[in-house]
Amino acid sequence: MDTDNRLGPHQVILHKWIDCAPFEKMLGIEIISANEGKAELTMPFLAASANGGSMLHGGALVTLADTAAVMAIKSVVPAGTHFGTTHMEVDFLHPVLQGIVTARSSVTEVQERLWDAVVELLDSDGRKVMQMQATFKISRRRLNENLKID
């Protein structure tokens, strides 16, 4: 784990366009697939991700959902495109107590530079535990030039 305790700014270099950032890797998020505006990711319920009630922390679930939407968008926009979440609506449906959570996302372009995402999170038994709808806006600027694409 990185021991850099500075408070930023930090420079993150991704080695592939569709890849997890350090925070996502810390949570154990893995990209199963990302293509044609759809993505599937998984995240294990690690002890470090538990809340005080011994459930998977809602923030970790939201991170998984947001990351799944991002990977779906990255699968259809040019590498180096900069964008961000502008709106997010989340419904927590059931607690996660163990296992692997799977995120399935799909995105659609609703107008130039604006994308809508729908994400569902399923527990190890296939039960929907969370759903998210979000909007992303494409920036006019490019992502940092340190991005290396394999």
Protein backbone atom coordinates (compact mmCIF):
# COMPACT_ATOMS: atom_id res chain seq x y z
CA MET A 1 0.00 0.00 0.00
CA ASP A 2 1.16 3.53 -0.79
CA THR A 3 2.62 5.31 2.22
CA ASP A 4 2.41 8.81 0.69
CA ASN A 5 0.70 10.82 3.43
CA ARG A 6 0.76 14.14 1.58
CA LEU A 7 -2.63 15.76 1.15
CA GLY A 8 -2.25 16.24 -2.59
CA PRO A 9 -2.24 17.07 -5.33
CA HIS A 10 -1.46 13.53 -6.42
CA GLN A 11 -0.69 12.29 -9.90
CA VAL A 12 -2.33 8.99 -10.83
CA ILE A 13 -1.02 7.16 -13.87
CA LEU A 14 -3.26 4.46 -15.28
CA HIS A 15 -1.53 1.92 -17.48
CA LYS A 16 -4.70 1.16 -19.46
CA TRP A 17 -7.71 3.29 -20.36
CA ILE A 18 -10.09 0.80 -18.74
CA ASP A 19 -8.38 0.17 -15.41
CA CYS A 20 -9.04 0.68 -11.70
CA ALA A 21 -7.63 3.67 -9.83
CA PRO A 22 -5.82 3.20 -6.48
CA PHE A 23 -8.96 3.66 -4.32
CA GLU A 24 -10.87 1.10 -6.37
CA LYS A 25 -7.97 -1.36 -6.13
CA MET A 26 -7.87 -0.84 -2.35
CA LEU A 27 -11.51 -2.01 -2.23
CA GLY A 28 -10.66 -5.09 -4.33
CA ILE A 29 -12.76 -4.01 -7.32
CA GLU A 30 -12.14 -6.08 -10.45
CA ILE A 31 -13.29 -5.33 -13.98
CA ILE A 32 -14.85 -8.44 -15.50
CA SER A 33 -15.92 -6.80 -18.76
CA ALA A 34 -16.44 -3.35 -20.27
CA ASN A 35 -17.60 -2.97 -23.86
CA GLU A 36 -20.32 -1.43 -26.00
CA GLY A 37 -21.63 0.77 -23.18
CA LYS A 38 -21.97 -2.03 -20.65
CA ALA A 39 -19.72 -3.15 -17.81
CA GLU A 40 -19.58 -5.82 -15.14
CA LEU A 41 -17.37 -5.44 -12.07
CA THR A 42 -17.01 -7.34 -8.80
CA MET A 43 -15.97 -6.38 -5.28
CA PRO A 44 -15.35 -8.68 -2.31
CA PHE A 45 -16.71 -7.86 1.14
CA LEU A 46 -13.43 -7.37 3.00
CA ALA A 47 -13.31 -6.70 6.74
CA ALA A 48 -11.83 -3.25 6.05
CA SER A 49 -15.02 -2.38 4.10
CA ALA A 50 -17.41 -3.16 6.97
CA ASN A 51 -19.41 -0.50 8.78
CA GLY A 52 -20.16 -0.49 12.53
CA GLY A 53 -23.12 -2.83 11.96
CA SER A 54 -20.91 -5.52 10.36
CA MET A 55 -22.43 -4.84 6.93
CA LEU A 56 -20.65 -3.78 3.75
CA HIS A 57 -20.35 0.01 3.97
CA GLY A 58 -22.74 1.92 1.73
CA GLY A 59 -19.88 4.10 0.51
CA ALA A 60 -18.08 1.03 -0.82
CA LEU A 61 -21.25 -0.04 -2.65
CA VAL A 62 -21.67 3.42 -4.17
CA THR A 63 -18.01 3.39 -5.24
CA LEU A 64 -18.54 0.05 -6.98
CA ALA A 65 -21.65 1.34 -8.76
CA ASP A 66 -20.02 4.62 -9.82
CA THR A 67 -16.92 2.77 -11.07
CA ALA A 68 -19.08 0.36 -13.07
CA ALA A 69 -20.81 3.29 -14.76
CA VAL A 70 -17.44 4.92 -15.48
CA MET A 71 -16.10 1.74 -17.10
CA ALA A 72 -19.22 1.45 -19.27
CA ILE A 73 -18.71 5.05 -20.46
CA LYS A 74 -14.99 4.46 -21.05
CA SER A 75 -15.94 1.54 -23.30
CA VAL A 76 -17.62 3.92 -25.78
CA VAL A 77 -15.70 7.22 -25.62
CA PRO A 78 -12.19 7.92 -26.94
CA ALA A 79 -9.30 7.15 -24.59
CA GLY A 80 -8.27 10.23 -22.64
CA THR A 81 -11.79 11.68 -22.54
CA HIS A 82 -12.34 13.52 -19.25
CA PHE A 83 -15.76 13.27 -17.59
CA GLY A 84 -17.35 13.32 -14.16
CA THR A 85 -20.47 12.38 -12.23
CA THR A 86 -22.88 15.32 -12.03
CA HIS A 87 -25.90 13.59 -10.46
CA MET A 88 -26.44 10.32 -8.64
CA GLU A 89 -29.52 8.68 -7.13
CA VAL A 90 -29.08 5.51 -5.06
CA ASP A 91 -31.54 3.04 -3.56
CA PHE A 92 -30.18 0.61 -0.96
CA LEU A 93 -32.44 -2.46 -1.07
CA HIS A 94 -30.78 -5.10 1.14
CA PRO A 95 -27.70 -5.27 3.38
CA VAL A 96 -24.61 -7.15 2.25
CA LEU A 97 -23.25 -9.39 5.02
CA GLN A 98 -20.72 -11.53 3.10
CA GLY A 99 -19.43 -12.60 -0.27
CA ILE A 100 -18.82 -10.93 -3.59
CA VAL A 101 -20.93 -8.06 -4.95
CA THR A 102 -21.40 -7.82 -8.74
CA ALA A 103 -22.17 -4.54 -10.49
CA ARG A 104 -23.85 -4.49 -13.91
CA SER A 105 -24.06 -1.15 -15.65
CA SER A 106 -25.27 0.26 -18.93
CA VAL A 107 -24.98 3.78 -20.29
CA THR A 108 -26.70 5.80 -22.99
CA GLU A 109 -25.78 9.15 -24.49
CA VAL A 110 -28.77 11.46 -23.91
CA GLN A 111 -27.31 14.50 -25.63
CA GLU A 112 -23.92 15.74 -26.70
CA ARG A 113 -21.51 15.44 -23.74
CA LEU A 114 -24.22 14.00 -21.41
CA TRP A 115 -24.53 10.31 -20.48
CA ASP A 116 -27.05 8.49 -18.28
CA ALA A 117 -26.08 5.34 -16.40
CA VAL A 118 -28.15 2.62 -14.77
CA VAL A 119 -26.37 0.23 -12.39
CA GLU A 120 -27.59 -2.69 -10.33
CA LEU A 121 -25.59 -4.42 -7.61
CA LEU A 122 -26.20 -8.10 -6.84
CA ASP A 123 -25.00 -10.12 -3.86
CA SER A 124 -23.48 -13.62 -4.10
CA ASP A 125 -27.00 -15.11 -4.18
CA GLY A 126 -28.04 -12.92 -7.13
CA ARG A 127 -30.29 -10.70 -5.01
CA LYS A 128 -30.38 -7.03 -6.04
CA VAL A 129 -28.92 -5.09 -3.08
CA MET A 130 -28.62 -1.61 -4.60
CA GLN A 131 -29.58 0.30 -7.70
CA MET A 132 -28.17 3.57 -8.99
CA GLN A 133 -29.05 6.05 -11.69
CA ALA A 134 -26.48 8.69 -12.52
CA THR A 135 -25.62 11.39 -15.04
CA PHE A 136 -22.12 12.05 -16.33
CA LYS A 137 -20.86 15.05 -18.26
CA ILE A 138 -18.01 14.94 -20.76
CA SER A 139 -15.51 17.76 -20.27
CA ARG A 140 -14.12 19.79 -23.12
CA ARG A 141 -10.60 19.16 -21.79
CA ARG A 142 -8.54 16.00 -22.14
CA LEU A 143 -7.47 13.82 -19.22
CA ASN A 144 -3.90 14.25 -18.01
CA GLU A 145 -1.27 13.42 -20.56
CA ASN A 146 0.47 10.87 -18.35
CA LEU A 147 -2.13 8.27 -19.29
CA LYS A 148 -0.42 5.31 -20.88
CA ILE A 149 -2.52 2.98 -22.93
CA ASP A 150 -1.37 -0.59 -23.63
